[in-house]
């Protein structure tokens, strides 16, 4: 398991490296201190997940997220500053899969990384097929896109999982807690903001 950590604070990177080495034997942390280096390292290092700080020198973490999402479906966890809800919203809108607020518990970061990877590697999107929801909407799970009134709309893996859960439960009430458990792999009422942002997109 290779984790790309993008943060300009060496102390933060060191703590993350140490925590992953102790809590996840066999994992490897590769690190970049700015956006340009991160994009290059992503191409050469082939990470399985990216932990990305919003506040980078030069290119922002948001721009790095946008560029990564344009070329890859790799899971992205954003590190944001406490109290900056707008940062969390923006990161999720750009395609980040989860966020964690600084200062954070390194053990929580490892747990969230495991959860996001479980979702991507173990939980399938659904049986591979194309679902016709109604005359205006078709959900193509194979290509992770929705076709709305004949126009394809590309979906992130998270958006596709949310839609597939809603379609599978058409006509029934699906609670936020249920969606968090099915899509993110944990049950918590604290992360409903993340769910709401993905649904709003």
N, C-alpha and C. Protein backbone atom coordinates (compact mmCIF):
# COMPACT_ATOMS: atom_id res chain seq x y z
N UNK A 1 0.84 -1.18 0.00
CA UNK A 1 0.00 0.00 0.00
C UNK A 1 0.88 1.23 0.00
N UNK A 2 0.70 2.09 -1.00
CA UNK A 2 1.52 3.30 -1.09
C UNK A 2 0.64 4.54 -0.92
N UNK A 3 1.04 5.40 0.01
CA UNK A 3 0.28 6.60 0.33
C UNK A 3 1.10 7.82 -0.04
N UNK A 4 0.55 8.67 -0.89
CA UNK A 4 1.20 9.93 -1.22
C UNK A 4 0.68 11.00 -0.26
N UNK A 5 1.57 11.54 0.55
CA UNK A 5 1.22 12.61 1.48
C UNK A 5 1.74 13.92 0.92
N UNK A 6 0.84 14.88 0.75
CA UNK A 6 1.22 16.18 0.20
C UNK A 6 0.99 17.23 1.29
N UNK A 7 2.08 17.66 1.92
CA UNK A 7 2.00 18.63 3.01
C UNK A 7 3.35 19.33 3.12
N UNK A 8 3.33 20.64 3.34
CA UNK A 8 4.58 21.39 3.40
C UNK A 8 5.15 21.48 4.81
N UNK A 9 4.54 20.79 5.76
CA UNK A 9 5.04 20.79 7.14
C UNK A 9 5.76 19.46 7.41
N UNK A 10 7.10 19.48 7.46
CA UNK A 10 7.86 18.23 7.67
C UNK A 10 7.44 17.46 8.91
N UNK A 11 7.09 18.17 9.99
CA UNK A 11 6.68 17.49 11.22
C UNK A 11 5.40 16.69 11.02
N UNK A 12 4.47 17.24 10.26
CA UNK A 12 3.21 16.54 9.98
C UNK A 12 3.49 15.29 9.16
N UNK A 13 4.33 15.44 8.14
CA UNK A 13 4.67 14.30 7.28
C UNK A 13 5.35 13.21 8.10
N UNK A 14 6.25 13.61 8.98
CA UNK A 14 6.98 12.64 9.81
C UNK A 14 6.03 11.85 10.72
N UNK A 15 5.08 12.55 11.33
CA UNK A 15 4.10 11.87 12.19
C UNK A 15 3.25 10.90 11.38
N UNK A 16 2.83 11.33 10.19
CA UNK A 16 2.02 10.45 9.33
C UNK A 16 2.81 9.21 8.94
N UNK A 17 4.07 9.41 8.53
CA UNK A 17 4.93 8.28 8.15
C UNK A 17 5.07 7.29 9.30
N UNK A 18 5.36 7.80 10.49
CA UNK A 18 5.56 6.95 11.66
C UNK A 18 4.28 6.19 12.00
N UNK A 19 3.16 6.88 11.96
CA UNK A 19 1.88 6.24 12.31
C UNK A 19 1.54 5.13 11.34
N UNK A 20 1.69 5.40 10.04
CA UNK A 20 1.39 4.36 9.06
C UNK A 20 2.33 3.17 9.20
N UNK A 21 3.62 3.43 9.47
CA UNK A 21 4.57 2.32 9.60
C UNK A 21 4.23 1.44 10.80
N UNK A 22 3.71 2.04 11.87
CA UNK A 22 3.35 1.27 13.06
C UNK A 22 1.98 0.60 12.94
N UNK A 23 1.02 1.31 12.36
CA UNK A 23 -0.36 0.83 12.32
C UNK A 23 -0.68 0.00 11.08
N UNK A 24 0.14 0.16 10.04
CA UNK A 24 -0.16 -0.53 8.78
C UNK A 24 1.15 -1.08 8.21
N UNK A 25 1.66 -2.16 8.80
CA UNK A 25 2.93 -2.73 8.34
C UNK A 25 2.87 -3.05 6.85
N UNK A 26 3.94 -2.71 6.16
CA UNK A 26 3.99 -2.95 4.72
C UNK A 26 3.56 -1.75 3.90
N UNK A 27 2.96 -0.76 4.56
CA UNK A 27 2.57 0.44 3.81
C UNK A 27 3.81 1.31 3.60
N UNK A 28 3.74 2.12 2.56
CA UNK A 28 4.86 3.00 2.23
C UNK A 28 4.33 4.41 2.03
N UNK A 29 4.93 5.37 2.69
CA UNK A 29 4.54 6.77 2.53
C UNK A 29 5.58 7.46 1.65
N UNK A 30 5.09 8.09 0.58
CA UNK A 30 5.94 8.96 -0.23
C UNK A 30 5.39 10.37 -0.04
N UNK A 31 6.27 11.36 -0.03
CA UNK A 31 5.83 12.70 0.36
C UNK A 31 6.29 13.77 -0.62
N UNK A 32 5.44 14.80 -0.74
CA UNK A 32 5.76 15.98 -1.53
C UNK A 32 5.35 17.20 -0.72
N UNK A 33 6.13 18.27 -0.85
CA UNK A 33 5.87 19.47 -0.06
C UNK A 33 5.13 20.56 -0.80
N UNK A 34 4.87 20.35 -2.10
CA UNK A 34 4.14 21.35 -2.88
C UNK A 34 3.38 20.65 -4.01
N UNK A 35 2.50 21.41 -4.65
CA UNK A 35 1.63 20.83 -5.66
C UNK A 35 2.34 20.29 -6.88
N UNK A 36 3.30 21.05 -7.40
CA UNK A 36 4.01 20.61 -8.61
C UNK A 36 4.74 19.29 -8.35
N UNK A 37 5.44 19.22 -7.21
CA UNK A 37 6.14 17.98 -6.86
C UNK A 37 5.17 16.83 -6.67
N UNK A 38 4.01 17.14 -6.10
CA UNK A 38 3.01 16.10 -5.86
C UNK A 38 2.51 15.49 -7.17
N UNK A 39 2.25 16.34 -8.16
CA UNK A 39 1.75 15.84 -9.45
C UNK A 39 2.80 14.97 -10.13
N UNK A 40 4.06 15.39 -10.05
CA UNK A 40 5.14 14.58 -10.64
C UNK A 40 5.29 13.25 -9.91
N UNK A 41 5.26 13.30 -8.57
CA UNK A 41 5.41 12.09 -7.77
C UNK A 41 4.23 11.15 -7.97
N UNK A 42 3.07 11.71 -8.20
CA UNK A 42 1.88 10.88 -8.46
C UNK A 42 2.09 10.07 -9.74
N UNK A 43 2.66 10.69 -10.76
CA UNK A 43 2.88 10.00 -12.04
C UNK A 43 3.92 8.90 -11.91
N UNK A 44 4.98 9.15 -11.15
CA UNK A 44 6.06 8.17 -11.05
C UNK A 44 5.86 7.17 -9.91
N UNK A 45 5.16 7.60 -8.85
CA UNK A 45 5.04 6.76 -7.66
C UNK A 45 3.84 5.85 -7.62
N UNK A 46 2.84 6.10 -8.47
CA UNK A 46 1.61 5.28 -8.53
C UNK A 46 1.03 4.98 -7.15
N UNK A 47 0.65 6.01 -6.40
CA UNK A 47 0.10 5.76 -5.06
C UNK A 47 -1.30 5.16 -5.12
N UNK A 48 -1.67 4.47 -4.04
CA UNK A 48 -3.01 3.88 -3.92
C UNK A 48 -4.00 4.87 -3.32
N UNK A 49 -3.48 5.87 -2.62
CA UNK A 49 -4.33 6.88 -1.99
C UNK A 49 -3.50 8.14 -1.81
N UNK A 50 -4.18 9.30 -1.82
CA UNK A 50 -3.50 10.59 -1.65
C UNK A 50 -4.07 11.30 -0.42
N UNK A 51 -3.16 11.74 0.46
CA UNK A 51 -3.54 12.58 1.60
C UNK A 51 -3.02 13.97 1.27
N UNK A 52 -3.93 14.91 1.07
CA UNK A 52 -3.59 16.19 0.45
C UNK A 52 -3.98 17.38 1.34
N UNK A 53 -2.99 18.18 1.71
CA UNK A 53 -3.26 19.38 2.51
C UNK A 53 -3.79 20.48 1.59
N UNK A 54 -4.76 21.22 2.08
CA UNK A 54 -5.33 22.32 1.30
C UNK A 54 -4.34 23.46 1.17
N UNK A 55 -3.67 23.81 2.28
CA UNK A 55 -2.80 24.99 2.32
C UNK A 55 -1.38 24.70 1.91
N UNK A 56 -1.15 24.61 0.61
CA UNK A 56 0.20 24.35 0.10
C UNK A 56 0.80 25.64 -0.45
N UNK A 57 2.14 25.74 -0.47
CA UNK A 57 2.76 26.89 -1.12
C UNK A 57 2.60 26.77 -2.64
N UNK A 58 2.41 27.89 -3.30
CA UNK A 58 2.23 27.85 -4.76
C UNK A 58 0.87 27.31 -5.13
N UNK A 59 0.86 26.22 -5.86
CA UNK A 59 -0.40 25.60 -6.28
C UNK A 59 -1.16 25.09 -5.06
N UNK A 60 -2.42 25.47 -4.96
CA UNK A 60 -3.22 25.07 -3.79
C UNK A 60 -3.57 23.58 -3.83
N UNK A 61 -3.92 23.07 -2.67
CA UNK A 61 -4.38 21.69 -2.60
C UNK A 61 -5.63 21.47 -3.43
N UNK A 62 -6.48 22.50 -3.55
CA UNK A 62 -7.68 22.38 -4.37
C UNK A 62 -7.32 22.15 -5.83
N UNK A 63 -6.33 22.90 -6.32
CA UNK A 63 -5.92 22.75 -7.72
C UNK A 63 -5.28 21.38 -7.94
N UNK A 64 -4.49 20.92 -6.98
CA UNK A 64 -3.90 19.58 -7.09
C UNK A 64 -5.01 18.54 -7.15
N UNK A 65 -6.01 18.68 -6.29
CA UNK A 65 -7.15 17.76 -6.28
C UNK A 65 -7.85 17.76 -7.64
N UNK A 66 -8.10 18.95 -8.17
CA UNK A 66 -8.78 19.06 -9.46
C UNK A 66 -7.99 18.36 -10.57
N UNK A 67 -6.67 18.58 -10.58
CA UNK A 67 -5.82 17.98 -11.62
C UNK A 67 -5.73 16.46 -11.46
N UNK A 68 -5.63 16.00 -10.22
CA UNK A 68 -5.59 14.55 -9.99
C UNK A 68 -6.89 13.90 -10.42
N UNK A 69 -8.00 14.54 -10.08
CA UNK A 69 -9.30 13.96 -10.41
C UNK A 69 -9.53 13.93 -11.92
N UNK A 70 -8.88 14.84 -12.65
CA UNK A 70 -9.02 14.86 -14.11
C UNK A 70 -8.34 13.67 -14.77
N UNK A 71 -7.35 13.09 -14.07
CA UNK A 71 -6.60 11.99 -14.69
C UNK A 71 -6.73 10.66 -13.95
N UNK A 72 -7.34 10.67 -12.76
CA UNK A 72 -7.36 9.44 -11.97
C UNK A 72 -8.55 9.40 -11.02
N UNK A 73 -8.94 8.19 -10.66
CA UNK A 73 -9.99 7.98 -9.66
C UNK A 73 -9.39 7.63 -8.30
N UNK A 74 -8.09 7.86 -8.12
CA UNK A 74 -7.43 7.53 -6.85
C UNK A 74 -8.17 8.18 -5.68
N UNK A 75 -8.34 7.47 -4.57
CA UNK A 75 -8.97 8.09 -3.40
C UNK A 75 -8.15 9.27 -2.89
N UNK A 76 -8.83 10.38 -2.59
CA UNK A 76 -8.16 11.59 -2.09
C UNK A 76 -8.79 11.99 -0.76
N UNK A 77 -7.94 12.11 0.27
CA UNK A 77 -8.36 12.62 1.57
C UNK A 77 -7.75 14.00 1.74
N UNK A 78 -8.58 15.00 1.99
CA UNK A 78 -8.09 16.37 2.15
C UNK A 78 -7.86 16.68 3.62
N UNK A 79 -6.77 17.39 3.90
CA UNK A 79 -6.49 17.91 5.24
C UNK A 79 -6.89 19.38 5.25
N UNK A 80 -7.82 19.75 6.12
CA UNK A 80 -8.29 21.13 6.16
C UNK A 80 -8.11 21.71 7.56
N UNK A 81 -8.19 23.03 7.64
CA UNK A 81 -8.02 23.73 8.92
C UNK A 81 -9.34 23.71 9.68
N UNK A 82 -9.25 23.52 10.98
CA UNK A 82 -10.44 23.47 11.83
C UNK A 82 -11.29 24.73 11.65
N UNK A 83 -12.57 24.52 11.50
CA UNK A 83 -13.49 25.64 11.39
C UNK A 83 -13.68 26.17 9.98
N UNK A 84 -12.89 25.68 9.02
CA UNK A 84 -12.99 26.16 7.65
C UNK A 84 -13.93 25.27 6.84
N UNK A 85 -15.23 25.40 7.11
CA UNK A 85 -16.21 24.56 6.42
C UNK A 85 -16.16 24.77 4.92
N UNK A 86 -15.89 25.99 4.48
CA UNK A 86 -15.85 26.28 3.05
C UNK A 86 -14.77 25.46 2.36
N UNK A 87 -13.65 25.21 3.06
CA UNK A 87 -12.58 24.39 2.48
C UNK A 87 -13.05 22.95 2.30
N UNK A 88 -13.76 22.43 3.29
CA UNK A 88 -14.25 21.06 3.18
C UNK A 88 -15.24 20.94 2.02
N UNK A 89 -16.13 21.90 1.92
CA UNK A 89 -17.11 21.88 0.84
C UNK A 89 -16.44 21.95 -0.52
N UNK A 90 -15.49 22.85 -0.66
CA UNK A 90 -14.81 23.01 -1.94
C UNK A 90 -14.04 21.75 -2.33
N UNK A 91 -13.34 21.15 -1.36
CA UNK A 91 -12.60 19.92 -1.65
C UNK A 91 -13.51 18.80 -2.11
N UNK A 92 -14.64 18.64 -1.44
CA UNK A 92 -15.59 17.59 -1.84
C UNK A 92 -16.18 17.88 -3.21
N UNK A 93 -16.45 19.15 -3.49
CA UNK A 93 -17.00 19.50 -4.80
C UNK A 93 -16.00 19.24 -5.92
N UNK A 94 -14.71 19.33 -5.61
CA UNK A 94 -13.68 19.09 -6.62
C UNK A 94 -13.37 17.60 -6.79
N UNK A 95 -13.98 16.76 -5.96
CA UNK A 95 -13.80 15.32 -6.14
C UNK A 95 -13.07 14.60 -5.03
N UNK A 96 -12.73 15.31 -3.94
CA UNK A 96 -12.12 14.61 -2.80
C UNK A 96 -13.14 13.63 -2.22
N UNK A 97 -12.64 12.54 -1.67
CA UNK A 97 -13.52 11.49 -1.16
C UNK A 97 -13.79 11.61 0.33
N UNK A 98 -12.90 12.28 1.03
CA UNK A 98 -13.07 12.44 2.47
C UNK A 98 -12.20 13.61 2.89
N UNK A 99 -12.38 14.05 4.11
CA UNK A 99 -11.55 15.12 4.65
C UNK A 99 -11.30 14.84 6.13
N UNK A 100 -10.23 15.41 6.62
CA UNK A 100 -9.93 15.32 8.04
C UNK A 100 -9.41 16.69 8.47
N UNK A 101 -9.84 17.14 9.64
CA UNK A 101 -9.55 18.50 10.09
C UNK A 101 -8.28 18.54 10.92
N UNK A 102 -7.40 19.51 10.62
CA UNK A 102 -6.20 19.76 11.42
C UNK A 102 -6.56 20.59 12.64
N UNK A 103 -5.93 20.35 13.79
CA UNK A 103 -5.04 19.22 14.08
C UNK A 103 -5.84 17.93 14.16
N UNK A 104 -5.25 16.85 13.66
CA UNK A 104 -5.98 15.59 13.58
C UNK A 104 -5.26 14.49 14.36
N UNK A 105 -6.00 13.46 14.65
CA UNK A 105 -5.42 12.27 15.27
C UNK A 105 -4.82 11.41 14.16
N UNK A 106 -3.53 11.10 14.22
CA UNK A 106 -2.93 10.24 13.20
C UNK A 106 -3.64 8.89 13.08
N UNK A 107 -4.13 8.37 14.21
CA UNK A 107 -4.85 7.10 14.17
C UNK A 107 -6.16 7.23 13.41
N UNK A 108 -6.82 8.38 13.54
CA UNK A 108 -8.05 8.60 12.77
C UNK A 108 -7.73 8.68 11.29
N UNK A 109 -6.61 9.29 10.94
CA UNK A 109 -6.21 9.37 9.53
C UNK A 109 -6.02 7.97 8.95
N UNK A 110 -5.34 7.10 9.70
CA UNK A 110 -5.15 5.72 9.25
C UNK A 110 -6.50 5.02 9.09
N UNK A 111 -7.39 5.21 10.06
CA UNK A 111 -8.71 4.57 10.00
C UNK A 111 -9.51 5.06 8.80
N UNK A 112 -9.48 6.36 8.55
CA UNK A 112 -10.22 6.91 7.40
C UNK A 112 -9.60 6.45 6.08
N UNK A 113 -8.27 6.32 6.06
CA UNK A 113 -7.61 5.82 4.86
C UNK A 113 -8.02 4.38 4.58
N UNK A 114 -8.04 3.56 5.62
CA UNK A 114 -8.49 2.17 5.46
C UNK A 114 -9.93 2.12 4.95
N UNK A 115 -10.78 2.98 5.51
CA UNK A 115 -12.19 2.99 5.12
C UNK A 115 -12.36 3.38 3.66
N UNK A 116 -11.66 4.41 3.23
CA UNK A 116 -11.81 4.86 1.85
C UNK A 116 -11.25 3.81 0.88
N UNK A 117 -10.18 3.14 1.26
CA UNK A 117 -9.62 2.10 0.40
C UNK A 117 -10.52 0.87 0.37
N UNK A 118 -11.13 0.54 1.49
CA UNK A 118 -12.08 -0.57 1.53
C UNK A 118 -13.21 -0.31 0.54
N UNK A 119 -13.67 0.90 0.54
CA UNK A 119 -14.76 1.28 -0.34
C UNK A 119 -14.36 1.13 -1.80
N UNK A 120 -13.14 1.52 -2.13
CA UNK A 120 -12.70 1.48 -3.52
C UNK A 120 -12.28 0.09 -3.97
N UNK A 121 -11.69 -0.70 -3.07
CA UNK A 121 -11.09 -1.96 -3.49
C UNK A 121 -11.94 -3.18 -3.19
N UNK A 122 -12.78 -3.10 -2.18
CA UNK A 122 -13.53 -4.28 -1.78
C UNK A 122 -14.99 -4.19 -2.16
N UNK A 123 -15.60 -3.03 -1.88
CA UNK A 123 -17.02 -2.89 -2.16
C UNK A 123 -17.22 -2.55 -3.62
N UNK A 124 -17.87 -3.42 -4.39
CA UNK A 124 -18.08 -3.12 -5.79
C UNK A 124 -19.12 -2.02 -5.94
N UNK A 125 -19.08 -1.36 -7.09
CA UNK A 125 -20.08 -0.34 -7.36
C UNK A 125 -21.47 -0.95 -7.31
N UNK A 126 -21.62 -2.07 -7.91
CA UNK A 126 -22.88 -2.84 -7.96
C UNK A 126 -22.65 -3.85 -9.05
N UNK A 127 -23.64 -4.69 -9.30
CA UNK A 127 -23.51 -5.59 -10.43
C UNK A 127 -23.33 -4.73 -11.67
N UNK A 128 -22.40 -5.12 -12.55
CA UNK A 128 -22.12 -4.30 -13.72
C UNK A 128 -23.29 -4.33 -14.68
N UNK A 129 -23.91 -3.21 -14.84
CA UNK A 129 -24.97 -3.09 -15.83
C UNK A 129 -25.40 -1.63 -15.93
N UNK A 130 -26.26 -1.39 -16.87
CA UNK A 130 -26.82 -0.06 -17.10
C UNK A 130 -28.24 -0.05 -16.57
N UNK A 131 -28.54 0.88 -15.69
CA UNK A 131 -29.86 0.95 -15.07
C UNK A 131 -30.64 2.11 -15.68
N UNK A 132 -31.80 1.82 -16.21
CA UNK A 132 -32.67 2.88 -16.71
C UNK A 132 -33.58 3.28 -15.56
N UNK A 133 -33.37 4.46 -15.02
CA UNK A 133 -34.13 4.93 -13.88
C UNK A 133 -35.50 5.43 -14.33
N UNK A 134 -35.51 6.26 -15.35
CA UNK A 134 -36.76 6.70 -15.98
C UNK A 134 -36.42 7.15 -17.39
N UNK A 135 -37.39 7.78 -18.07
CA UNK A 135 -37.14 8.14 -19.47
C UNK A 135 -36.08 9.22 -19.63
N UNK A 136 -35.73 9.92 -18.55
CA UNK A 136 -34.73 10.98 -18.64
C UNK A 136 -33.37 10.60 -18.08
N UNK A 137 -33.32 9.57 -17.24
CA UNK A 137 -32.07 9.26 -16.54
C UNK A 137 -31.70 7.79 -16.66
N UNK A 138 -30.46 7.55 -17.08
CA UNK A 138 -29.89 6.21 -17.11
C UNK A 138 -28.60 6.24 -16.31
N UNK A 139 -28.39 5.26 -15.47
CA UNK A 139 -27.17 5.17 -14.67
C UNK A 139 -26.30 4.06 -15.24
N UNK A 140 -25.14 4.42 -15.78
CA UNK A 140 -24.21 3.46 -16.37
C UNK A 140 -23.10 3.18 -15.35
N UNK A 141 -23.24 2.06 -14.63
CA UNK A 141 -22.29 1.74 -13.57
C UNK A 141 -20.94 1.33 -14.12
N UNK A 142 -20.92 0.70 -15.30
CA UNK A 142 -19.65 0.27 -15.89
C UNK A 142 -18.73 1.46 -16.17
N UNK A 143 -19.31 2.52 -16.70
CA UNK A 143 -18.51 3.69 -17.08
C UNK A 143 -18.59 4.83 -16.08
N UNK A 144 -19.25 4.58 -14.95
CA UNK A 144 -19.41 5.58 -13.90
C UNK A 144 -19.92 6.90 -14.47
N UNK A 145 -21.07 6.82 -15.11
CA UNK A 145 -21.68 8.04 -15.60
C UNK A 145 -23.20 7.94 -15.56
N UNK A 146 -23.82 9.09 -15.47
CA UNK A 146 -25.27 9.17 -15.58
C UNK A 146 -25.55 9.79 -16.94
N UNK A 147 -26.59 9.31 -17.58
CA UNK A 147 -26.99 9.89 -18.86
C UNK A 147 -28.32 10.59 -18.61
N UNK A 148 -28.26 11.91 -18.59
CA UNK A 148 -29.42 12.73 -18.26
C UNK A 148 -29.92 13.42 -19.52
N UNK A 149 -31.13 13.07 -19.94
CA UNK A 149 -31.73 13.62 -21.17
C UNK A 149 -30.78 13.47 -22.36
N UNK A 150 -30.13 12.31 -22.44
CA UNK A 150 -29.24 12.01 -23.56
C UNK A 150 -27.83 12.53 -23.42
N UNK A 151 -27.55 13.32 -22.40
CA UNK A 151 -26.22 13.89 -22.20
C UNK A 151 -25.48 13.14 -21.10
N UNK A 152 -24.26 12.64 -21.39
CA UNK A 152 -23.50 11.94 -20.35
C UNK A 152 -22.97 12.91 -19.28
N UNK A 153 -23.08 12.49 -18.02
CA UNK A 153 -22.55 13.26 -16.90
C UNK A 153 -21.60 12.35 -16.15
N UNK A 154 -20.30 12.68 -16.18
CA UNK A 154 -19.29 11.85 -15.53
C UNK A 154 -19.46 11.93 -14.02
N UNK A 155 -19.35 10.78 -13.36
CA UNK A 155 -19.50 10.72 -11.91
C UNK A 155 -18.19 10.29 -11.26
N UNK A 156 -17.94 10.80 -10.07
CA UNK A 156 -16.81 10.29 -9.30
C UNK A 156 -17.23 8.92 -8.75
N UNK A 157 -16.27 8.10 -8.32
CA UNK A 157 -16.65 6.81 -7.74
C UNK A 157 -17.63 6.96 -6.57
N UNK A 158 -17.42 7.97 -5.74
CA UNK A 158 -18.32 8.18 -4.60
C UNK A 158 -19.72 8.54 -5.06
N UNK A 159 -19.84 9.44 -6.02
CA UNK A 159 -21.15 9.82 -6.54
C UNK A 159 -21.87 8.62 -7.13
N UNK A 160 -21.12 7.77 -7.83
CA UNK A 160 -21.72 6.59 -8.44
C UNK A 160 -22.23 5.62 -7.38
N UNK A 161 -21.47 5.47 -6.31
CA UNK A 161 -21.91 4.58 -5.23
C UNK A 161 -23.17 5.11 -4.55
N UNK A 162 -23.21 6.41 -4.34
CA UNK A 162 -24.41 7.01 -3.74
C UNK A 162 -25.62 6.78 -4.64
N UNK A 163 -25.46 7.09 -5.92
CA UNK A 163 -26.58 6.91 -6.86
C UNK A 163 -27.02 5.46 -6.94
N UNK A 164 -26.05 4.53 -6.97
CA UNK A 164 -26.42 3.11 -7.08
C UNK A 164 -27.19 2.65 -5.84
N UNK A 165 -26.83 3.20 -4.67
CA UNK A 165 -27.58 2.86 -3.45
C UNK A 165 -29.00 3.41 -3.50
N UNK A 166 -29.13 4.64 -3.98
CA UNK A 166 -30.46 5.26 -4.07
C UNK A 166 -31.33 4.54 -5.09
N UNK A 167 -30.74 4.16 -6.23
CA UNK A 167 -31.50 3.44 -7.26
C UNK A 167 -31.91 2.07 -6.74
N UNK A 168 -30.99 1.39 -6.05
CA UNK A 168 -31.31 0.06 -5.52
C UNK A 168 -32.43 0.10 -4.49
N UNK A 169 -32.62 1.26 -3.87
CA UNK A 169 -33.67 1.41 -2.85
C UNK A 169 -34.78 2.35 -3.31
N UNK A 170 -34.99 2.41 -4.62
CA UNK A 170 -36.01 3.31 -5.18
C UNK A 170 -37.37 3.06 -4.52
N UNK A 171 -38.04 4.14 -4.13
CA UNK A 171 -39.35 4.03 -3.51
C UNK A 171 -39.30 3.83 -2.01
N UNK A 172 -38.07 3.69 -1.46
CA UNK A 172 -37.91 3.51 -0.01
C UNK A 172 -37.10 4.66 0.56
N UNK A 173 -37.29 4.93 1.83
CA UNK A 173 -36.50 5.97 2.50
C UNK A 173 -35.13 5.39 2.82
N UNK A 174 -34.08 6.11 2.44
CA UNK A 174 -32.71 5.71 2.77
C UNK A 174 -32.15 6.80 3.68
N UNK A 175 -31.82 6.45 4.91
CA UNK A 175 -31.33 7.44 5.86
C UNK A 175 -29.88 7.83 5.56
N UNK A 176 -29.50 8.99 6.06
CA UNK A 176 -28.11 9.42 5.89
C UNK A 176 -27.16 8.43 6.54
N UNK A 177 -27.53 7.91 7.69
CA UNK A 177 -26.69 6.95 8.40
C UNK A 177 -26.47 5.70 7.55
N UNK A 178 -27.53 5.24 6.89
CA UNK A 178 -27.42 4.06 6.03
C UNK A 178 -26.49 4.34 4.85
N UNK A 179 -26.64 5.51 4.22
CA UNK A 179 -25.77 5.85 3.10
C UNK A 179 -24.31 5.94 3.53
N UNK A 180 -24.07 6.55 4.69
CA UNK A 180 -22.69 6.63 5.18
C UNK A 180 -22.10 5.25 5.38
N UNK A 181 -22.89 4.34 5.93
CA UNK A 181 -22.40 2.97 6.17
C UNK A 181 -22.16 2.24 4.86
N UNK A 182 -23.07 2.37 3.90
CA UNK A 182 -22.97 1.64 2.64
C UNK A 182 -21.91 2.22 1.71
N UNK A 183 -21.79 3.55 1.69
CA UNK A 183 -20.90 4.21 0.73
C UNK A 183 -19.52 4.46 1.31
N UNK A 184 -19.46 4.91 2.57
CA UNK A 184 -18.16 5.23 3.17
C UNK A 184 -17.64 4.13 4.09
N UNK A 185 -18.49 3.23 4.50
CA UNK A 185 -18.03 2.13 5.33
C UNK A 185 -18.03 2.41 6.81
N UNK A 186 -18.66 3.50 7.26
CA UNK A 186 -18.78 3.74 8.69
C UNK A 186 -20.12 4.38 8.99
N UNK A 187 -20.53 4.21 10.24
CA UNK A 187 -21.80 4.79 10.68
C UNK A 187 -21.51 5.95 11.61
N UNK A 188 -21.84 7.14 11.17
CA UNK A 188 -21.62 8.33 11.99
C UNK A 188 -22.56 9.41 11.55
N UNK A 189 -23.08 10.15 12.49
CA UNK A 189 -23.93 11.28 12.16
C UNK A 189 -23.11 12.56 11.99
N UNK A 190 -21.79 12.46 12.22
CA UNK A 190 -20.95 13.65 12.16
C UNK A 190 -20.54 14.01 10.74
N UNK A 191 -20.70 13.10 9.80
CA UNK A 191 -20.21 13.33 8.44
C UNK A 191 -21.32 13.58 7.44
N UNK A 192 -22.47 14.03 7.92
CA UNK A 192 -23.59 14.25 7.00
C UNK A 192 -23.30 15.39 6.03
N UNK A 193 -22.45 16.35 6.42
CA UNK A 193 -22.09 17.43 5.51
C UNK A 193 -21.44 16.88 4.25
N UNK A 194 -20.51 15.94 4.43
CA UNK A 194 -19.84 15.33 3.30
C UNK A 194 -20.85 14.66 2.37
N UNK A 195 -21.79 13.95 2.93
CA UNK A 195 -22.82 13.28 2.15
C UNK A 195 -23.67 14.30 1.40
N UNK A 196 -24.07 15.36 2.08
CA UNK A 196 -24.92 16.38 1.45
C UNK A 196 -24.21 17.04 0.27
N UNK A 197 -22.91 17.29 0.40
CA UNK A 197 -22.16 17.92 -0.69
C UNK A 197 -22.12 17.01 -1.90
N UNK A 198 -21.84 15.73 -1.69
CA UNK A 198 -21.80 14.80 -2.82
C UNK A 198 -23.16 14.70 -3.50
N UNK A 199 -24.22 14.67 -2.73
CA UNK A 199 -25.57 14.58 -3.31
C UNK A 199 -25.90 15.87 -4.07
N UNK A 200 -25.48 17.01 -3.53
CA UNK A 200 -25.76 18.29 -4.19
C UNK A 200 -25.07 18.39 -5.55
N UNK A 201 -23.92 17.75 -5.68
CA UNK A 201 -23.20 17.79 -6.96
C UNK A 201 -23.98 17.04 -8.02
